[in-house]
Amino acid sequence: MKRAMPWSYEVDVISSDQSSSEAEADDNDGTSNSPTEQPPQELFPQGMLMKRAELYQEYMKEVPIPAQRGSVIPFTSWMGLGRSTKQLYGQPLHYLTNVLLKQWDQLRFGSKDEGSPLDIIVHPCKAEATIWLMEEAHQRTTSSHHIAKLQLSDPMHDAFVDAIFPEL
């Protein structure tokens, strides 16, 4: 029984007696239809990545830091506190703030307080204020060139870019 192809591009079939280099030589235009065969740098050319980083940094400079913060947010990890603040205030955190929160959580691995909720160790108001302080520093002082360089070296950088877009 034959199945329909689930994708719209053609697939070259290599028989067991034909090597992959011979199959590539058979390809007339030398292009590849599969994005997974290209290195990450070719998926996002540096010029395009730099432009995305510039636009991102300019956008993040426009996102205000909340002035009225009166709620105490319970949390067990830095990433959890970051998620809660995004939900509470309805706005994103900077790429570098998200990366930093992940690193702070990783620093706890192997410590004697690793299993303890973080809000017992650090007061929730101080922890939230720390996040907003880092957020302000990242928004105001980070170079878009630095962001592009970091994102080029991290193929999973989109995981740390929030999909929350508040009205400015």
C-alpha atoms as a PDB file:
ATOM      1  CA  MET A   1       0.000   0.000   0.000  1.00  0.00           C
ATOM      2  CA  LYS A   2       1.404   3.417  -0.977  1.00  0.00           C
ATOM      3  CA  ARG A   3       1.072   6.516   1.189  1.00  0.00           C
ATOM      4  CA  ALA A   4       0.763  10.068   0.004  1.00  0.00           C
ATOM      5  CA  MET A   5       3.808  12.225   0.695  1.00  0.00           C
ATOM      6  CA  PRO A   6       3.116  14.452   3.746  1.00  0.00           C
ATOM      7  CA  TRP A   7       5.243  17.333   2.412  1.00  0.00           C
ATOM      8  CA  SER A   8       5.231  19.354  -0.754  1.00  0.00           C
ATOM      9  CA  TYR A   9       8.823  18.985  -1.949  1.00  0.00           C
ATOM     10  CA  GLU A  10      10.484  16.128  -3.795  1.00  0.00           C
ATOM     11  CA  VAL A  11      12.728  13.624  -2.073  1.00  0.00           C
ATOM     12  CA  ASP A  12      15.726  12.035  -3.763  1.00  0.00           C
ATOM     13  CA  VAL A  13      15.864   8.310  -3.138  1.00  0.00           C
ATOM     14  CA  ILE A  14      19.330   6.820  -2.832  1.00  0.00           C
ATOM     15  CA  SER A  15      19.608   3.152  -3.605  1.00  0.00           C
ATOM     16  CA  SER A  16      21.906   1.027  -1.480  1.00  0.00           C
ATOM     17  CA  ASP A  17      24.486   0.765  -4.293  1.00  0.00           C
ATOM     18  CA  GLN A  18      24.638   4.555  -4.867  1.00  0.00           C
ATOM     19  CA  SER A  19      26.665   6.637  -2.421  1.00  0.00           C
ATOM     20  CA  SER A  20      25.440   9.941  -1.062  1.00  0.00           C
ATOM     21  CA  SER A  21      28.191  11.837  -2.930  1.00  0.00           C
ATOM     22  CA  GLU A  22      26.987  10.305  -6.210  1.00  0.00           C
ATOM     23  CA  ALA A  23      23.424  11.311  -5.340  1.00  0.00           C
ATOM     24  CA  GLU A  24      24.521  14.881  -4.672  1.00  0.00           C
ATOM     25  CA  ALA A  25      26.334  14.936  -8.015  1.00  0.00           C
ATOM     26  CA  ASP A  26      23.083  13.871  -9.699  1.00  0.00           C
ATOM     27  CA  ASP A  27      21.299  16.932  -8.319  1.00  0.00           C
ATOM     28  CA  ASN A  28      21.084  19.397 -11.218  1.00  0.00           C
ATOM     29  CA  ASP A  29      20.855  22.748  -9.443  1.00  0.00           C
ATOM     30  CA  GLY A  30      22.901  21.856  -6.345  1.00  0.00           C
ATOM     31  CA  THR A  31      20.262  23.156  -3.957  1.00  0.00           C
ATOM     32  CA  SER A  32      18.770  21.264  -1.080  1.00  0.00           C
ATOM     33  CA  ASN A  33      15.073  21.217  -0.256  1.00  0.00           C
ATOM     34  CA  SER A  34      15.593  20.190   3.346  1.00  0.00           C
ATOM     35  CA  PRO A  35      16.418  22.976   5.839  1.00  0.00           C
ATOM     36  CA  THR A  36      17.905  20.435   8.240  1.00  0.00           C
ATOM     37  CA  GLU A  37      20.818  19.818   5.879  1.00  0.00           C
ATOM     38  CA  GLN A  38      21.952  23.444   6.151  1.00  0.00           C
ATOM     39  CA  PRO A  39      24.062  24.647   9.063  1.00  0.00           C
ATOM     40  CA  PRO A  40      22.255  27.027  11.450  1.00  0.00           C
ATOM     41  CA  GLN A  41      24.241  30.023  10.185  1.00  0.00           C
ATOM     42  CA  GLU A  42      22.753  29.552   6.716  1.00  0.00           C
ATOM     43  CA  LEU A  43      19.189  29.354   8.048  1.00  0.00           C
ATOM     44  CA  PHE A  44      19.582  32.819   9.567  1.00  0.00           C
ATOM     45  CA  PRO A  45      22.099  34.858   7.567  1.00  0.00           C
ATOM     46  CA  GLN A  46      23.999  37.265   9.786  1.00  0.00           C
ATOM     47  CA  GLY A  47      22.452  40.307   8.115  1.00  0.00           C
ATOM     48  CA  MET A  48      18.933  39.070   8.741  1.00  0.00           C
ATOM     49  CA  LEU A  49      19.755  38.005  12.296  1.00  0.00           C
ATOM     50  CA  MET A  50      21.326  41.397  12.987  1.00  0.00           C
ATOM     51  CA  LYS A  51      18.238  43.202  11.665  1.00  0.00           C
ATOM     52  CA  ARG A  52      15.974  40.992  13.809  1.00  0.00           C
ATOM     53  CA  ALA A  53      18.140  41.749  16.860  1.00  0.00           C
ATOM     54  CA  GLU A  54      17.999  45.502  16.150  1.00  0.00           C
ATOM     55  CA  LEU A  55      14.217  45.442  15.789  1.00  0.00           C
ATOM     56  CA  TYR A  56      13.884  43.306  18.917  1.00  0.00           C
ATOM     57  CA  GLN A  57      16.086  45.592  21.010  1.00  0.00           C
ATOM     58  CA  GLU A  58      14.284  48.723  19.793  1.00  0.00           C
ATOM     59  CA  TYR A  59      10.937  47.107  20.642  1.00  0.00           C
ATOM     60  CA  MET A  60      12.113  46.020  24.102  1.00  0.00           C
ATOM     61  CA  LYS A  61      13.303  49.576  24.844  1.00  0.00           C
ATOM     62  CA  GLU A  62       9.678  50.669  24.422  1.00  0.00           C
ATOM     63  CA  VAL A  63       8.257  48.101  26.881  1.00  0.00           C
ATOM     64  CA  PRO A  64       7.769  49.900  30.202  1.00  0.00           C
ATOM     65  CA  ILE A  65       8.987  48.563  33.530  1.00  0.00           C
ATOM     66  CA  PRO A  66       5.961  48.333  35.868  1.00  0.00           C
ATOM     67  CA  ALA A  67       5.990  51.161  38.394  1.00  0.00           C
ATOM     68  CA  GLN A  68       3.233  49.803  40.655  1.00  0.00           C
ATOM     69  CA  ARG A  69       4.272  46.466  42.076  1.00  0.00           C
ATOM     70  CA  GLY A  70       2.358  45.580  45.191  1.00  0.00           C
ATOM     71  CA  SER A  71       1.684  41.879  44.917  1.00  0.00           C
ATOM     72  CA  VAL A  72       3.755  39.151  46.527  1.00  0.00           C
ATOM     73  CA  ILE A  73       4.266  36.344  44.017  1.00  0.00           C
ATOM     74  CA  PRO A  74       4.967  32.871  45.453  1.00  0.00           C
ATOM     75  CA  PHE A  75       7.564  30.980  43.404  1.00  0.00           C
ATOM     76  CA  THR A  76       9.725  27.877  43.528  1.00  0.00           C
ATOM     77  CA  SER A  77      12.254  28.815  40.824  1.00  0.00           C
ATOM     78  CA  TRP A  78      13.550  31.903  39.048  1.00  0.00           C
ATOM     79  CA  MET A  79      12.004  30.750  35.767  1.00  0.00           C
ATOM     80  CA  GLY A  80       8.698  30.248  37.588  1.00  0.00           C
ATOM     81  CA  LEU A  81       8.861  33.776  38.989  1.00  0.00           C
ATOM     82  CA  GLY A  82       9.607  35.070  35.498  1.00  0.00           C
ATOM     83  CA  ARG A  83       6.542  33.266  34.090  1.00  0.00           C
ATOM     84  CA  SER A  84       4.362  34.638  36.885  1.00  0.00           C
ATOM     85  CA  THR A  85       5.521  38.220  36.359  1.00  0.00           C
ATOM     86  CA  LYS A  86       4.858  37.934  32.619  1.00  0.00           C
ATOM     87  CA  GLN A  87       1.324  36.726  33.327  1.00  0.00           C
ATOM     88  CA  LEU A  88       0.643  39.252  36.079  1.00  0.00           C
ATOM     89  CA  TYR A  89       1.875  42.293  34.161  1.00  0.00           C
ATOM     90  CA  GLY A  90       1.035  41.026  30.654  1.00  0.00           C
ATOM     91  CA  GLN A  91       4.381  41.912  29.164  1.00  0.00           C
ATOM     92  CA  PRO A  92       7.489  40.089  27.986  1.00  0.00           C
ATOM     93  CA  LEU A  93      10.860  39.831  29.630  1.00  0.00           C
ATOM     94  CA  HIS A  94      14.006  40.517  27.637  1.00  0.00           C
ATOM     95  CA  TYR A  95      15.816  37.598  25.994  1.00  0.00           C
ATOM     96  CA  LEU A  96      18.826  38.130  28.268  1.00  0.00           C
ATOM     97  CA  THR A  97      16.636  38.280  31.386  1.00  0.00           C
ATOM     98  CA  ASN A  98      15.097  34.914  30.477  1.00  0.00           C
ATOM     99  CA  VAL A  99      18.553  33.422  29.866  1.00  0.00           C
ATOM    100  CA  LEU A 100      19.767  34.809  33.200  1.00  0.00           C
ATOM    101  CA  LEU A 101      16.795  33.337  35.097  1.00  0.00           C
ATOM    102  CA  LYS A 102      17.546  29.925  33.580  1.00  0.00           C
ATOM    103  CA  GLN A 103      21.201  30.243  34.616  1.00  0.00           C
ATOM    104  CA  TRP A 104      20.205  31.202  38.171  1.00  0.00           C
ATOM    105  CA  ASP A 105      18.026  28.093  38.386  1.00  0.00           C
ATOM    106  CA  GLN A 106      20.904  25.955  37.121  1.00  0.00           C
ATOM    107  CA  LEU A 107      23.186  27.395  39.811  1.00  0.00           C
ATOM    108  CA  ARG A 108      20.965  25.755  42.424  1.00  0.00           C
ATOM    109  CA  PHE A 109      21.612  22.231  41.108  1.00  0.00           C
ATOM    110  CA  GLY A 110      23.502  20.289  43.752  1.00  0.00           C
ATOM    111  CA  SER A 111      23.081  22.864  46.523  1.00  0.00           C
ATOM    112  CA  LYS A 112      21.648  21.884  49.901  1.00  0.00           C
ATOM    113  CA  ASP A 113      18.583  24.084  49.242  1.00  0.00           C
ATOM    114  CA  GLU A 114      17.961  22.772  45.722  1.00  0.00           C
ATOM    115  CA  GLY A 115      14.586  21.249  46.626  1.00  0.00           C
ATOM    116  CA  SER A 116      13.373  24.177  48.719  1.00  0.00           C
ATOM    117  CA  PRO A 117      10.977  26.708  47.234  1.00  0.00           C
ATOM    118  CA  LEU A 118      12.975  29.767  46.287  1.00  0.00           C
ATOM    119  CA  ASP A 119      10.509  32.153  47.945  1.00  0.00           C
ATOM    120  CA  ILE A 120      11.606  30.749  51.321  1.00  0.00           C
ATOM    121  CA  ILE A 121      15.251  31.580  50.542  1.00  0.00           C
ATOM    122  CA  VAL A 122      14.760  34.957  48.803  1.00  0.00           C
ATOM    123  CA  HIS A 123      11.916  37.280  49.797  1.00  0.00           C
ATOM    124  CA  PRO A 124       9.399  37.474  46.914  1.00  0.00           C
ATOM    125  CA  CYS A 125       9.462  41.292  46.809  1.00  0.00           C
ATOM    126  CA  LYS A 126      13.262  41.359  46.589  1.00  0.00           C
ATOM    127  CA  ALA A 127      13.271  38.629  43.938  1.00  0.00           C
ATOM    128  CA  GLU A 128      10.726  40.473  41.791  1.00  0.00           C
ATOM    129  CA  ALA A 129      12.607  43.759  42.216  1.00  0.00           C
ATOM    130  CA  THR A 130      15.798  41.965  41.123  1.00  0.00           C
ATOM    131  CA  ILE A 131      14.109  40.720  37.961  1.00  0.00           C
ATOM    132  CA  TRP A 132      12.858  44.203  37.089  1.00  0.00           C
ATOM    133  CA  LEU A 133      16.290  45.699  37.787  1.00  0.00           C
ATOM    134  CA  MET A 134      17.910  43.198  35.403  1.00  0.00           C
ATOM    135  CA  GLU A 135      15.130  43.774  32.887  1.00  0.00           C
ATOM    136  CA  GLU A 136      15.746  47.512  32.912  1.00  0.00           C
ATOM    137  CA  ALA A 137      19.494  47.027  32.459  1.00  0.00           C
ATOM    138  CA  HIS A 138      18.956  44.612  29.571  1.00  0.00           C
ATOM    139  CA  GLN A 139      16.403  46.855  27.860  1.00  0.00           C
ATOM    140  CA  ARG A 140      18.440  50.047  28.124  1.00  0.00           C
ATOM    141  CA  THR A 141      22.052  48.946  27.748  1.00  0.00           C
ATOM    142  CA  THR A 142      22.242  45.800  25.609  1.00  0.00           C
ATOM    143  CA  SER A 143      23.722  46.091  22.144  1.00  0.00           C
ATOM    144  CA  SER A 144      21.740  44.508  19.322  1.00  0.00           C
ATOM    145  CA  HIS A 145      25.071  43.226  17.957  1.00  0.00           C
ATOM    146  CA  HIS A 146      25.592  41.286  21.217  1.00  0.00           C
ATOM    147  CA  ILE A 147      22.071  39.829  21.036  1.00  0.00           C
ATOM    148  CA  ALA A 148      22.616  38.730  17.422  1.00  0.00           C
ATOM    149  CA  LYS A 149      25.946  37.132  18.342  1.00  0.00           C
ATOM    150  CA  LEU A 150      24.363  35.212  21.235  1.00  0.00           C
ATOM    151  CA  GLN A 151      21.408  34.105  19.139  1.00  0.00           C
ATOM    152  CA  LEU A 152      23.698  32.949  16.345  1.00  0.00           C
ATOM    153  CA  SER A 153      25.527  30.698  18.800  1.00  0.00           C
ATOM    154  CA  ASP A 154      22.292  29.325  20.320  1.00  0.00           C
ATOM    155  CA  PRO A 155      20.032  27.395  17.921  1.00  0.00           C
ATOM    156  CA  MET A 156      17.265  27.383  20.565  1.00  0.00           C
ATOM    157  CA  HIS A 157      17.301  31.154  21.151  1.00  0.00           C
ATOM    158  CA  ASP A 158      13.625  31.493  20.223  1.00  0.00           C
ATOM    159  CA  ALA A 159      12.742  29.559  23.391  1.00  0.00           C
ATOM    160  CA  PHE A 160      13.891  32.580  25.412  1.00  0.00           C
ATOM    161  CA  VAL A 161      12.062  35.219  23.371  1.00  0.00           C
ATOM    162  CA  ASP A 162       8.630  35.837  24.851  1.00  0.00           C
ATOM    163  CA  ALA A 163       5.569  35.788  22.646  1.00  0.00           C
ATOM    164  CA  ILE A 164       3.781  38.440  24.685  1.00  0.00           C
ATOM    165  CA  PHE A 165       3.265  41.708  22.810  1.00  0.00           C
ATOM    166  CA  PRO A 166       1.693  44.426  24.958  1.00  0.00           C
ATOM    167  CA  GLU A 167       0.179  47.550  23.430  1.00  0.00           C
ATOM    168  CA  LEU A 168       2.712  50.330  23.787  1.00  0.00           C
END
